[in-house]
Amino acid sequence: MDIGKLPIGDFCKELGAPTPTPGGGAVGAVVASFAAALAKMVAGLTLGKSGYEEYEPEMEKIVEEMEERIQKLQELADEDVAAFDAVMAAFKLPKGEERKAAIQKALKRAAEVPFEVARCARSILSELEPLAEWGNKNAISDVASSAHLAMAAFKIALENVNINLKSIKDEKFVKTMNEETKELRSQIEGSYSRILKLVEERP
C-alpha cells in the first residue's frame, strides 16, 4: 500500500472503507510518525537560535534520529497491513496441521509489528525529554503534543499486541512478550510524566 506516500485524505478513505486493513495497527504507526515529525520540527526550530547554541549537538542528533523513526514507522504501517492480511490468509487454508502452524506463525508476526511500534514510541518519548528541557520554548506546546501522540501510539500498539497474544499457543513467546511490554509501559509512563512536568515548568 505504501502508506507513507498516500495523501492524508486518501489514507482516511482507505481507513474508513469496510475492509479489515488498514486498521488500528497501521494508525498507531502513523500516529507515532506524527509524534516523531513534531519532535524533529522542535529540534529544527532550536538549531541556529540565539540562546540555544550549547544544545545544538543534541538537537542535531534528535533531528537525525526522528527522521529515521519517521521512515521506520511508515514502513511498519505497511508491515502491519501485511501481517494482518497474512493472518486472514492463514485462516482460509484447508483445515489441518499446516493451517494451524501457518496461523500461529502469522499471529506472532501480527504481534511483533505493533510491538516494534511501541518500541519506537518509547524512543520518541526518550528524545522528547531533552526537547522539553532545552528545546525552543516557543514550540514547547509541540513537545507536549508529540508526547501525547507517542503515548497514544503506544496504547494503540499495545492493544494490537495483546489481541494477537490471546490466540498464540507458544507460552514462552507470550510470556516474553508480556514481560517486555510491561517493561516498556514502565519506561514510557515515566518519560511521559517527566516530559509533561518539564513542559509545565518551562519559564
N, C-alpha and C. Protein backbone atom coordinates (compact mmCIF):
# COMPACT_ATOMS: atom_id res chain seq x y z
N MET A 1 0.83 -1.21 0.00
CA MET A 1 0.00 0.00 0.00
C MET A 1 0.86 1.26 0.00
N ASP A 2 2.04 1.20 0.61
CA ASP A 2 2.94 2.34 0.73
C ASP A 2 2.22 3.53 1.38
N ILE A 3 1.81 3.33 2.62
CA ILE A 3 1.04 4.33 3.35
C ILE A 3 1.77 5.66 3.45
N GLY A 4 3.10 5.61 3.57
CA GLY A 4 3.88 6.83 3.71
C GLY A 4 3.75 7.79 2.54
N LYS A 5 3.36 7.28 1.38
CA LYS A 5 3.24 8.12 0.19
C LYS A 5 1.80 8.52 -0.11
N LEU A 6 0.87 8.05 0.71
CA LEU A 6 -0.54 8.38 0.47
C LEU A 6 -0.87 9.78 1.00
N PRO A 7 -1.60 10.60 0.26
CA PRO A 7 -2.14 11.83 0.83
C PRO A 7 -3.03 11.48 2.02
N ILE A 8 -3.11 12.36 2.99
CA ILE A 8 -3.90 12.08 4.20
C ILE A 8 -5.35 11.76 3.85
N GLY A 9 -5.91 12.49 2.90
CA GLY A 9 -7.29 12.23 2.50
C GLY A 9 -7.49 10.83 1.97
N ASP A 10 -6.53 10.38 1.16
CA ASP A 10 -6.61 9.03 0.60
C ASP A 10 -6.46 7.97 1.69
N PHE A 11 -5.55 8.24 2.64
CA PHE A 11 -5.36 7.29 3.74
C PHE A 11 -6.65 7.18 4.56
N CYS A 12 -7.27 8.30 4.85
CA CYS A 12 -8.53 8.28 5.61
C CYS A 12 -9.62 7.54 4.83
N LYS A 13 -9.62 7.69 3.52
CA LYS A 13 -10.59 6.97 2.69
C LYS A 13 -10.37 5.47 2.78
N GLU A 14 -9.11 5.05 2.70
CA GLU A 14 -8.77 3.63 2.83
C GLU A 14 -9.14 3.13 4.23
N LEU A 15 -8.84 3.95 5.22
CA LEU A 15 -9.10 3.57 6.61
C LEU A 15 -10.59 3.43 6.89
N GLY A 16 -11.38 4.29 6.30
CA GLY A 16 -12.82 4.28 6.54
C GLY A 16 -13.59 3.27 5.71
N ALA A 17 -12.90 2.63 4.78
CA ALA A 17 -13.57 1.63 3.94
C ALA A 17 -13.93 0.39 4.77
N PRO A 18 -15.00 -0.32 4.40
CA PRO A 18 -15.44 -1.51 5.16
C PRO A 18 -14.56 -2.74 4.88
N THR A 19 -13.26 -2.57 5.10
CA THR A 19 -12.30 -3.65 4.94
C THR A 19 -11.43 -3.72 6.19
N PRO A 20 -10.89 -4.90 6.53
CA PRO A 20 -10.12 -5.03 7.77
C PRO A 20 -8.82 -4.22 7.80
N THR A 21 -8.24 -3.99 6.63
CA THR A 21 -6.98 -3.25 6.60
C THR A 21 -7.06 -2.10 5.60
N PRO A 22 -6.37 -0.97 5.89
CA PRO A 22 -5.61 -0.72 7.11
C PRO A 22 -6.53 -0.53 8.30
N GLY A 23 -5.99 -0.84 9.49
CA GLY A 23 -6.79 -0.73 10.71
C GLY A 23 -6.02 -0.02 11.80
N GLY A 24 -6.36 -0.36 13.04
CA GLY A 24 -5.78 0.34 14.19
C GLY A 24 -4.28 0.24 14.27
N GLY A 25 -3.73 -0.92 13.90
CA GLY A 25 -2.28 -1.07 13.97
C GLY A 25 -1.55 -0.10 13.07
N ALA A 26 -2.04 0.04 11.84
CA ALA A 26 -1.43 0.98 10.90
C ALA A 26 -1.59 2.42 11.39
N VAL A 27 -2.75 2.71 11.96
CA VAL A 27 -2.99 4.05 12.50
C VAL A 27 -2.00 4.35 13.62
N GLY A 28 -1.76 3.37 14.49
CA GLY A 28 -0.80 3.56 15.58
C GLY A 28 0.57 3.93 15.06
N ALA A 29 1.00 3.26 14.01
CA ALA A 29 2.32 3.56 13.42
C ALA A 29 2.34 4.95 12.82
N VAL A 30 1.26 5.33 12.14
CA VAL A 30 1.18 6.67 11.54
C VAL A 30 1.18 7.75 12.62
N VAL A 31 0.41 7.52 13.68
CA VAL A 31 0.36 8.49 14.78
C VAL A 31 1.75 8.65 15.41
N ALA A 32 2.46 7.54 15.58
CA ALA A 32 3.82 7.62 16.12
C ALA A 32 4.73 8.40 15.18
N SER A 33 4.53 8.25 13.86
CA SER A 33 5.35 9.02 12.91
C SER A 33 5.05 10.51 13.02
N PHE A 34 3.81 10.86 13.33
CA PHE A 34 3.47 12.27 13.55
C PHE A 34 4.20 12.80 14.80
N ALA A 35 4.25 11.97 15.83
CA ALA A 35 4.96 12.36 17.06
C ALA A 35 6.44 12.62 16.75
N ALA A 36 7.03 11.72 15.96
CA ALA A 36 8.44 11.88 15.59
C ALA A 36 8.65 13.14 14.75
N ALA A 37 7.72 13.41 13.84
CA ALA A 37 7.83 14.58 12.98
C ALA A 37 7.76 15.88 13.79
N LEU A 38 6.88 15.92 14.79
CA LEU A 38 6.79 17.10 15.65
C LEU A 38 8.07 17.29 16.45
N ALA A 39 8.62 16.18 16.93
CA ALA A 39 9.89 16.27 17.68
C ALA A 39 11.00 16.80 16.79
N LYS A 40 11.03 16.31 15.56
CA LYS A 40 12.04 16.79 14.60
C LYS A 40 11.86 18.28 14.35
N MET A 41 10.60 18.72 14.23
CA MET A 41 10.32 20.12 13.99
C MET A 41 10.85 21.00 15.12
N VAL A 42 10.58 20.60 16.35
CA VAL A 42 11.01 21.40 17.50
C VAL A 42 12.54 21.48 17.57
N ALA A 43 13.18 20.34 17.32
CA ALA A 43 14.65 20.34 17.32
C ALA A 43 15.17 21.26 16.22
N GLY A 44 14.53 21.22 15.06
CA GLY A 44 14.93 22.09 13.95
C GLY A 44 14.73 23.56 14.26
N LEU A 45 13.67 23.86 15.00
CA LEU A 45 13.40 25.24 15.39
C LEU A 45 14.34 25.74 16.48
N THR A 46 15.05 24.82 17.11
CA THR A 46 16.01 25.18 18.15
C THR A 46 17.39 25.44 17.55
N LEU A 47 17.71 24.73 16.48
CA LEU A 47 19.01 24.88 15.82
C LEU A 47 19.18 26.30 15.27
N GLY A 48 20.34 26.87 15.54
CA GLY A 48 20.65 28.19 14.99
C GLY A 48 20.00 29.36 15.71
N LYS A 49 19.29 29.07 16.79
CA LYS A 49 18.62 30.16 17.52
C LYS A 49 19.50 30.66 18.67
N SER A 50 19.50 31.95 18.85
CA SER A 50 20.28 32.58 19.91
C SER A 50 19.83 32.08 21.28
N GLY A 51 20.80 31.75 22.11
CA GLY A 51 20.50 31.27 23.46
C GLY A 51 20.42 29.77 23.57
N TYR A 52 20.47 29.09 22.42
CA TYR A 52 20.37 27.63 22.43
C TYR A 52 21.63 26.96 21.84
N GLU A 53 22.69 27.76 21.68
CA GLU A 53 23.88 27.26 20.99
C GLU A 53 24.46 26.00 21.64
N GLU A 54 24.49 25.94 22.95
CA GLU A 54 25.12 24.80 23.63
C GLU A 54 24.35 23.48 23.44
N TYR A 55 23.11 23.59 22.98
CA TYR A 55 22.30 22.38 22.81
C TYR A 55 22.26 21.90 21.35
N GLU A 56 22.99 22.58 20.48
CA GLU A 56 22.93 22.23 19.06
C GLU A 56 23.32 20.78 18.75
N PRO A 57 24.39 20.24 19.37
CA PRO A 57 24.72 18.83 19.09
C PRO A 57 23.58 17.88 19.43
N GLU A 58 22.90 18.14 20.55
CA GLU A 58 21.76 17.30 20.95
C GLU A 58 20.61 17.46 19.96
N MET A 59 20.36 18.69 19.53
CA MET A 59 19.27 18.94 18.60
C MET A 59 19.54 18.31 17.23
N GLU A 60 20.78 18.37 16.79
CA GLU A 60 21.15 17.74 15.51
C GLU A 60 20.93 16.23 15.58
N LYS A 61 21.29 15.65 16.72
CA LYS A 61 21.11 14.21 16.94
C LYS A 61 19.62 13.85 16.90
N ILE A 62 18.79 14.68 17.52
CA ILE A 62 17.35 14.42 17.54
C ILE A 62 16.76 14.51 16.14
N VAL A 63 17.16 15.53 15.38
CA VAL A 63 16.66 15.67 14.00
C VAL A 63 16.96 14.41 13.20
N GLU A 64 18.19 13.93 13.30
CA GLU A 64 18.59 12.75 12.55
C GLU A 64 17.82 11.51 13.00
N GLU A 65 17.72 11.33 14.31
CA GLU A 65 17.03 10.15 14.84
C GLU A 65 15.54 10.16 14.53
N MET A 66 14.91 11.32 14.60
CA MET A 66 13.48 11.39 14.31
C MET A 66 13.19 11.14 12.84
N GLU A 67 14.08 11.56 11.97
CA GLU A 67 13.91 11.27 10.55
C GLU A 67 13.94 9.76 10.32
N GLU A 68 14.84 9.08 11.02
CA GLU A 68 14.90 7.61 10.93
C GLU A 68 13.63 6.98 11.47
N ARG A 69 13.10 7.52 12.57
CA ARG A 69 11.88 6.98 13.16
C ARG A 69 10.70 7.16 12.21
N ILE A 70 10.60 8.32 11.59
CA ILE A 70 9.50 8.58 10.65
C ILE A 70 9.50 7.53 9.55
N GLN A 71 10.66 7.31 8.96
CA GLN A 71 10.78 6.34 7.89
C GLN A 71 10.42 4.94 8.37
N LYS A 72 10.95 4.56 9.52
CA LYS A 72 10.70 3.23 10.08
C LYS A 72 9.22 3.03 10.38
N LEU A 73 8.59 4.02 10.95
CA LEU A 73 7.18 3.88 11.33
C LEU A 73 6.27 3.81 10.11
N GLN A 74 6.61 4.53 9.06
CA GLN A 74 5.81 4.42 7.84
C GLN A 74 5.94 3.02 7.24
N GLU A 75 7.13 2.45 7.35
CA GLU A 75 7.31 1.07 6.90
C GLU A 75 6.52 0.11 7.78
N LEU A 76 6.50 0.36 9.08
CA LEU A 76 5.75 -0.50 10.00
C LEU A 76 4.25 -0.43 9.75
N ALA A 77 3.76 0.72 9.31
CA ALA A 77 2.34 0.83 8.97
C ALA A 77 1.99 -0.15 7.87
N ASP A 78 2.84 -0.22 6.85
CA ASP A 78 2.62 -1.18 5.76
C ASP A 78 2.81 -2.62 6.23
N GLU A 79 3.78 -2.83 7.11
CA GLU A 79 4.02 -4.18 7.63
C GLU A 79 2.85 -4.66 8.47
N ASP A 80 2.19 -3.73 9.16
CA ASP A 80 1.03 -4.12 9.95
C ASP A 80 -0.10 -4.61 9.06
N VAL A 81 -0.31 -3.90 7.95
CA VAL A 81 -1.33 -4.33 6.98
C VAL A 81 -1.00 -5.72 6.46
N ALA A 82 0.27 -5.92 6.08
CA ALA A 82 0.71 -7.21 5.53
C ALA A 82 0.57 -8.32 6.56
N ALA A 83 0.88 -8.01 7.82
CA ALA A 83 0.81 -9.02 8.88
C ALA A 83 -0.63 -9.47 9.11
N PHE A 84 -1.57 -8.52 9.13
CA PHE A 84 -2.97 -8.90 9.34
C PHE A 84 -3.51 -9.66 8.14
N ASP A 85 -3.13 -9.23 6.95
CA ASP A 85 -3.57 -9.94 5.74
C ASP A 85 -3.06 -11.38 5.75
N ALA A 86 -1.85 -11.58 6.28
CA ALA A 86 -1.28 -12.93 6.37
C ALA A 86 -2.07 -13.80 7.35
N VAL A 87 -2.54 -13.19 8.42
CA VAL A 87 -3.38 -13.93 9.38
C VAL A 87 -4.67 -14.37 8.70
N MET A 88 -5.31 -13.46 7.99
CA MET A 88 -6.56 -13.79 7.31
C MET A 88 -6.35 -14.88 6.26
N ALA A 89 -5.22 -14.81 5.55
CA ALA A 89 -4.91 -15.81 4.53
C ALA A 89 -4.69 -17.18 5.16
N ALA A 90 -4.04 -17.19 6.32
CA ALA A 90 -3.78 -18.46 7.01
C ALA A 90 -5.08 -19.13 7.45
N PHE A 91 -6.04 -18.34 7.89
CA PHE A 91 -7.33 -18.89 8.32
C PHE A 91 -8.12 -19.49 7.16
N LYS A 92 -7.79 -19.07 5.94
CA LYS A 92 -8.51 -19.58 4.77
C LYS A 92 -7.91 -20.89 4.23
N LEU A 93 -6.79 -21.33 4.80
CA LEU A 93 -6.17 -22.58 4.35
C LEU A 93 -7.04 -23.77 4.75
N PRO A 94 -6.90 -24.91 4.05
CA PRO A 94 -7.64 -26.12 4.43
C PRO A 94 -7.30 -26.55 5.85
N LYS A 95 -8.28 -27.04 6.56
CA LYS A 95 -8.06 -27.45 7.94
C LYS A 95 -7.02 -28.55 8.02
N GLY A 96 -6.19 -28.45 9.07
CA GLY A 96 -5.13 -29.43 9.26
C GLY A 96 -3.96 -28.80 10.00
N GLU A 97 -2.91 -29.57 10.21
CA GLU A 97 -1.76 -29.11 10.97
C GLU A 97 -1.03 -27.96 10.26
N GLU A 98 -0.99 -28.03 8.94
CA GLU A 98 -0.31 -26.96 8.19
C GLU A 98 -1.02 -25.63 8.40
N ARG A 99 -2.33 -25.67 8.41
CA ARG A 99 -3.12 -24.45 8.64
C ARG A 99 -2.86 -23.92 10.04
N LYS A 100 -2.87 -24.80 11.04
CA LYS A 100 -2.63 -24.39 12.42
C LYS A 100 -1.26 -23.71 12.57
N ALA A 101 -0.25 -24.33 11.94
CA ALA A 101 1.09 -23.77 12.02
C ALA A 101 1.17 -22.41 11.33
N ALA A 102 0.51 -22.29 10.19
CA ALA A 102 0.51 -21.03 9.45
C ALA A 102 -0.17 -19.92 10.25
N ILE A 103 -1.27 -20.27 10.91
CA ILE A 103 -1.99 -19.29 11.72
C ILE A 103 -1.12 -18.80 12.87
N GLN A 104 -0.46 -19.73 13.55
CA GLN A 104 0.38 -19.35 14.68
C GLN A 104 1.56 -18.48 14.24
N LYS A 105 2.15 -18.81 13.13
CA LYS A 105 3.27 -18.01 12.60
C LYS A 105 2.80 -16.61 12.26
N ALA A 106 1.64 -16.52 11.62
CA ALA A 106 1.11 -15.21 11.22
C ALA A 106 0.72 -14.38 12.44
N LEU A 107 0.16 -15.02 13.45
CA LEU A 107 -0.23 -14.31 14.67
C LEU A 107 0.98 -13.73 15.39
N LYS A 108 2.07 -14.49 15.39
CA LYS A 108 3.30 -13.99 16.04
C LYS A 108 3.79 -12.73 15.33
N ARG A 109 3.78 -12.77 14.01
CA ARG A 109 4.21 -11.60 13.26
C ARG A 109 3.26 -10.43 13.50
N ALA A 110 1.98 -10.72 13.62
CA ALA A 110 0.99 -9.68 13.86
C ALA A 110 1.15 -9.06 15.24
N ALA A 111 1.79 -9.77 16.16
CA ALA A 111 2.10 -9.21 17.49
C ALA A 111 3.43 -8.47 17.47
N GLU A 112 4.37 -8.97 16.69
CA GLU A 112 5.71 -8.37 16.65
C GLU A 112 5.72 -6.99 16.02
N VAL A 113 4.90 -6.79 15.00
CA VAL A 113 4.90 -5.48 14.32
C VAL A 113 4.44 -4.36 15.25
N PRO A 114 3.29 -4.48 15.91
CA PRO A 114 2.91 -3.40 16.82
C PRO A 114 3.84 -3.27 18.02
N PHE A 115 4.48 -4.38 18.42
CA PHE A 115 5.45 -4.28 19.50
C PHE A 115 6.60 -3.37 19.07
N GLU A 116 7.00 -3.47 17.81
CA GLU A 116 8.07 -2.61 17.30
C GLU A 116 7.60 -1.16 17.27
N VAL A 117 6.32 -0.94 16.98
CA VAL A 117 5.78 0.43 17.04
C VAL A 117 5.87 0.96 18.47
N ALA A 118 5.55 0.10 19.43
CA ALA A 118 5.63 0.50 20.84
C ALA A 118 7.06 0.88 21.21
N ARG A 119 8.03 0.12 20.71
CA ARG A 119 9.43 0.43 20.98
C ARG A 119 9.82 1.78 20.37
N CYS A 120 9.32 2.05 19.19
CA CYS A 120 9.58 3.34 18.55
C CYS A 120 8.97 4.48 19.37
N ALA A 121 7.77 4.25 19.90
CA ALA A 121 7.12 5.27 20.73
C ALA A 121 7.97 5.57 21.96
N ARG A 122 8.56 4.52 22.53
CA ARG A 122 9.43 4.72 23.69
C ARG A 122 10.63 5.58 23.31
N SER A 123 11.25 5.29 22.18
CA SER A 123 12.44 6.05 21.79
C SER A 123 12.10 7.50 21.50
N ILE A 124 10.92 7.75 20.94
CA ILE A 124 10.50 9.13 20.69
C ILE A 124 10.34 9.88 22.00
N LEU A 125 9.68 9.24 22.95
CA LEU A 125 9.48 9.89 24.25
C LEU A 125 10.80 10.16 24.96
N SER A 126 11.74 9.24 24.83
CA SER A 126 13.03 9.46 25.49
C SER A 126 13.75 10.68 24.89
N GLU A 127 13.58 10.91 23.59
CA GLU A 127 14.20 12.07 22.96
C GLU A 127 13.43 13.35 23.24
N LEU A 128 12.17 13.22 23.61
CA LEU A 128 11.38 14.41 23.93
C LEU A 128 11.79 15.04 25.26
N GLU A 129 12.39 14.25 26.13
CA GLU A 129 12.79 14.80 27.43
C GLU A 129 13.80 15.94 27.27
N PRO A 130 14.90 15.76 26.51
CA PRO A 130 15.79 16.91 26.32
C PRO A 130 15.13 18.05 25.55
N LEU A 131 14.21 17.73 24.67
CA LEU A 131 13.49 18.80 23.95
C LEU A 131 12.64 19.61 24.92
N ALA A 132 11.99 18.91 25.85
CA ALA A 132 11.15 19.60 26.83
C ALA A 132 11.99 20.51 27.72
N GLU A 133 13.23 20.10 27.96
CA GLU A 133 14.10 20.86 28.86
C GLU A 133 14.88 21.96 28.16
N TRP A 134 15.36 21.65 26.94
CA TRP A 134 16.27 22.58 26.25
C TRP A 134 15.77 23.08 24.90
N GLY A 135 14.69 22.53 24.40
CA GLY A 135 14.21 22.94 23.08
C GLY A 135 13.65 24.35 23.07
N ASN A 136 13.47 24.88 21.88
CA ASN A 136 12.92 26.22 21.69
C ASN A 136 11.61 26.37 22.47
N LYS A 137 11.61 27.29 23.43
CA LYS A 137 10.44 27.42 24.31
C LYS A 137 9.20 27.90 23.56
N ASN A 138 9.40 28.51 22.39
CA ASN A 138 8.25 28.96 21.60
C ASN A 138 7.50 27.80 20.96
N ALA A 139 8.12 26.62 20.99
CA ALA A 139 7.48 25.44 20.41
C ALA A 139 7.22 24.38 21.50
N ILE A 140 7.17 24.82 22.75
CA ILE A 140 7.04 23.87 23.85
C ILE A 140 5.71 23.12 23.81
N SER A 141 4.66 23.75 23.30
CA SER A 141 3.37 23.06 23.21
C SER A 141 3.45 21.91 22.22
N ASP A 142 4.34 22.04 21.22
CA ASP A 142 4.51 20.96 20.24
C ASP A 142 5.24 19.77 20.86
N VAL A 143 6.08 20.03 21.84
CA VAL A 143 6.72 18.94 22.58
C VAL A 143 5.65 18.14 23.31
N ALA A 144 4.75 18.86 23.98
CA ALA A 144 3.66 18.18 24.70
C ALA A 144 2.77 17.43 23.72
N SER A 145 2.48 18.05 22.59
CA SER A 145 1.64 17.39 21.58
C SER A 145 2.29 16.11 21.08
N SER A 146 3.59 16.17 20.84
CA SER A 146 4.33 14.99 20.41
C SER A 146 4.26 13.89 21.46
N ALA A 147 4.40 14.28 22.72
CA ALA A 147 4.34 13.29 23.81
C ALA A 147 2.97 12.63 23.87
N HIS A 148 1.91 13.41 23.71
CA HIS A 148 0.56 12.85 23.72
C HIS A 148 0.36 11.86 22.57
N LEU A 149 0.87 12.22 21.41
CA LEU A 149 0.75 11.35 20.24
C LEU A 149 1.54 10.05 20.44
N ALA A 150 2.75 10.18 20.96
CA ALA A 150 3.57 8.99 21.20
C ALA A 150 2.91 8.06 22.22
N MET A 151 2.32 8.64 23.25
CA MET A 151 1.63 7.82 24.24
C MET A 151 0.41 7.15 23.64
N ALA A 152 -0.33 7.88 22.81
CA ALA A 152 -1.49 7.28 22.14
C ALA A 152 -1.06 6.15 21.22
N ALA A 153 0.03 6.36 20.49
CA ALA A 153 0.54 5.32 19.60
C ALA A 153 0.95 4.08 20.39
N PHE A 154 1.56 4.29 21.53
CA PHE A 154 1.96 3.16 22.38
C PHE A 154 0.74 2.37 22.83
N LYS A 155 -0.30 3.06 23.26
CA LYS A 155 -1.51 2.37 23.73
C LYS A 155 -2.19 1.61 22.59
N ILE A 156 -2.22 2.21 21.41
CA ILE A 156 -2.79 1.53 20.24
C ILE A 156 -1.98 0.28 19.94
N ALA A 157 -0.65 0.43 19.94
CA ALA A 157 0.22 -0.70 19.64
C ALA A 157 -0.01 -1.83 20.64
N LEU A 158 -0.14 -1.47 21.90
CA LEU A 158 -0.32 -2.48 22.94
C LEU A 158 -1.63 -3.24 22.76
N GLU A 159 -2.68 -2.53 22.35
CA GLU A 159 -3.96 -3.20 22.09
C GLU A 159 -3.78 -4.27 21.00
N ASN A 160 -3.00 -3.93 19.99
CA ASN A 160 -2.80 -4.86 18.87
C ASN A 160 -1.87 -6.01 19.24
N VAL A 161 -0.92 -5.75 20.11
CA VAL A 161 -0.08 -6.85 20.63
C VAL A 161 -0.95 -7.82 21.42
N ASN A 162 -1.72 -7.28 22.33
CA ASN A 162 -2.49 -8.13 23.25
C ASN A 162 -3.56 -8.96 22.55
N ILE A 163 -4.22 -8.40 21.56
CA ILE A 163 -5.29 -9.14 20.88
C ILE A 163 -4.73 -10.35 20.16
N ASN A 164 -3.49 -10.25 19.68
CA ASN A 164 -2.87 -11.38 18.99
C ASN A 164 -2.30 -12.39 19.98
N LEU A 165 -1.77 -11.90 21.09
CA LEU A 165 -1.21 -12.81 22.09
C LEU A 165 -2.27 -13.77 22.64
N LYS A 166 -3.51 -13.32 22.68
CA LYS A 166 -4.59 -14.16 23.20
C LYS A 166 -4.78 -15.44 22.42
N SER A 167 -4.38 -15.44 21.15
CA SER A 167 -4.60 -16.62 20.29
C SER A 167 -3.31 -17.40 20.01
N ILE A 168 -2.20 -16.95 20.59
CA ILE A 168 -0.92 -17.63 20.35
C ILE A 168 -0.71 -18.74 21.37
N LYS A 169 -0.38 -19.91 20.89
CA LYS A 169 -0.24 -21.09 21.76
C LYS A 169 1.15 -21.22 22.38
N ASP A 170 2.13 -20.56 21.80
CA ASP A 170 3.51 -20.65 22.29
C ASP A 170 3.63 -19.87 23.61
N GLU A 171 3.60 -20.59 24.72
CA GLU A 171 3.58 -19.94 26.03
C GLU A 171 4.85 -19.14 26.31
N LYS A 172 5.98 -19.63 25.84
CA LYS A 172 7.24 -18.91 26.05
C LYS A 172 7.23 -17.58 25.31
N PHE A 173 6.74 -17.60 24.08
CA PHE A 173 6.64 -16.37 23.28
C PHE A 173 5.73 -15.37 23.97
N VAL A 174 4.58 -15.84 24.43
CA VAL A 174 3.61 -14.96 25.08
C VAL A 174 4.18 -14.38 26.37
N LYS A 175 4.83 -15.22 27.16
CA LYS A 175 5.42 -14.75 28.42
C LYS A 175 6.48 -13.70 28.18
N THR A 176 7.36 -13.95 27.21
CA THR A 176 8.42 -12.99 26.89
C THR A 176 7.84 -11.67 26.41
N MET A 177 6.84 -11.75 25.54
CA MET A 177 6.23 -10.54 25.01
C MET A 177 5.53 -9.75 26.12
N ASN A 178 4.85 -10.44 27.00
CA ASN A 178 4.16 -9.76 28.12
C ASN A 178 5.15 -9.08 29.04
N GLU A 179 6.27 -9.74 29.32
CA GLU A 179 7.28 -9.16 30.20
C GLU A 179 7.90 -7.92 29.56
N GLU A 180 8.15 -8.00 28.26
CA GLU A 180 8.78 -6.87 27.57
C GLU A 180 7.83 -5.68 27.44
N THR A 181 6.55 -5.97 27.20
CA THR A 181 5.59 -4.86 27.11
C THR A 181 5.38 -4.20 28.47
N LYS A 182 5.46 -5.00 29.53
CA LYS A 182 5.34 -4.45 30.88
C LYS A 182 6.50 -3.50 31.17
N GLU A 183 7.70 -3.90 30.77
CA GLU A 183 8.87 -3.04 30.96
C GLU A 183 8.76 -1.78 30.11
N LEU A 184 8.30 -1.93 28.87
CA LEU A 184 8.10 -0.78 28.00
C LEU A 184 7.11 0.21 28.61
N ARG A 185 6.02 -0.32 29.15
CA ARG A 185 4.99 0.54 29.75
C ARG A 185 5.58 1.38 30.88
N SER A 186 6.39 0.74 31.72
CA SER A 186 7.00 1.45 32.84
C SER A 186 7.91 2.57 32.35
N GLN A 187 8.72 2.27 31.35
CA GLN A 187 9.65 3.26 30.80
C GLN A 187 8.89 4.42 30.16
N ILE A 188 7.87 4.09 29.37
CA ILE A 188 7.13 5.11 28.65
C ILE A 188 6.33 6.00 29.60
N GLU A 189 5.68 5.42 30.58
CA GLU A 189 4.91 6.22 31.52
C GLU A 189 5.80 7.16 32.31
N GLY A 190 7.01 6.69 32.64
CA GLY A 190 7.96 7.55 33.34
C GLY A 190 8.38 8.73 32.49
N SER A 191 8.73 8.46 31.22
CA SER A 191 9.13 9.54 30.31
C SER A 191 8.00 10.52 30.09
N TYR A 192 6.81 10.00 29.87
CA TYR A 192 5.65 10.83 29.60
C TYR A 192 5.38 11.80 30.76
N SER A 193 5.44 11.30 31.97
CA SER A 193 5.21 12.14 33.15
C SER A 193 6.29 13.21 33.28
N ARG A 194 7.53 12.82 33.06
CA ARG A 194 8.63 13.78 33.18
C ARG A 194 8.52 14.88 32.12
N ILE A 195 8.16 14.49 30.90
CA ILE A 195 8.02 15.47 29.82
C ILE A 195 6.95 16.50 30.14
N LEU A 196 5.79 16.03 30.57
CA LEU A 196 4.70 16.96 30.86
C LEU A 196 5.06 17.89 32.03
N LYS A 197 5.81 17.36 33.00
CA LYS A 197 6.25 18.18 34.12
C LYS A 197 7.24 19.24 33.65
N LEU A 198 8.17 18.85 32.80
CA LEU A 198 9.15 19.79 32.25
C LEU A 198 8.48 20.88 31.43
N VAL A 199 7.51 20.47 30.62
CA VAL A 199 6.77 21.45 29.81
C VAL A 199 6.04 22.46 30.70
N GLU A 200 5.41 21.95 31.73
CA GLU A 200 4.64 22.81 32.64
C GLU A 200 5.55 23.80 33.37
N GLU A 201 6.78 23.35 33.67
CA GLU A 201 7.67 24.19 34.47
C GLU A 201 8.55 25.12 33.64
N ARG A 202 8.51 24.96 32.29
CA ARG A 202 9.34 25.84 31.47
C ARG A 202 8.91 27.29 31.63
N PRO A 203 9.87 28.20 31.86
CA PRO A 203 9.51 29.62 32.01
C PRO A 203 9.04 30.23 30.70
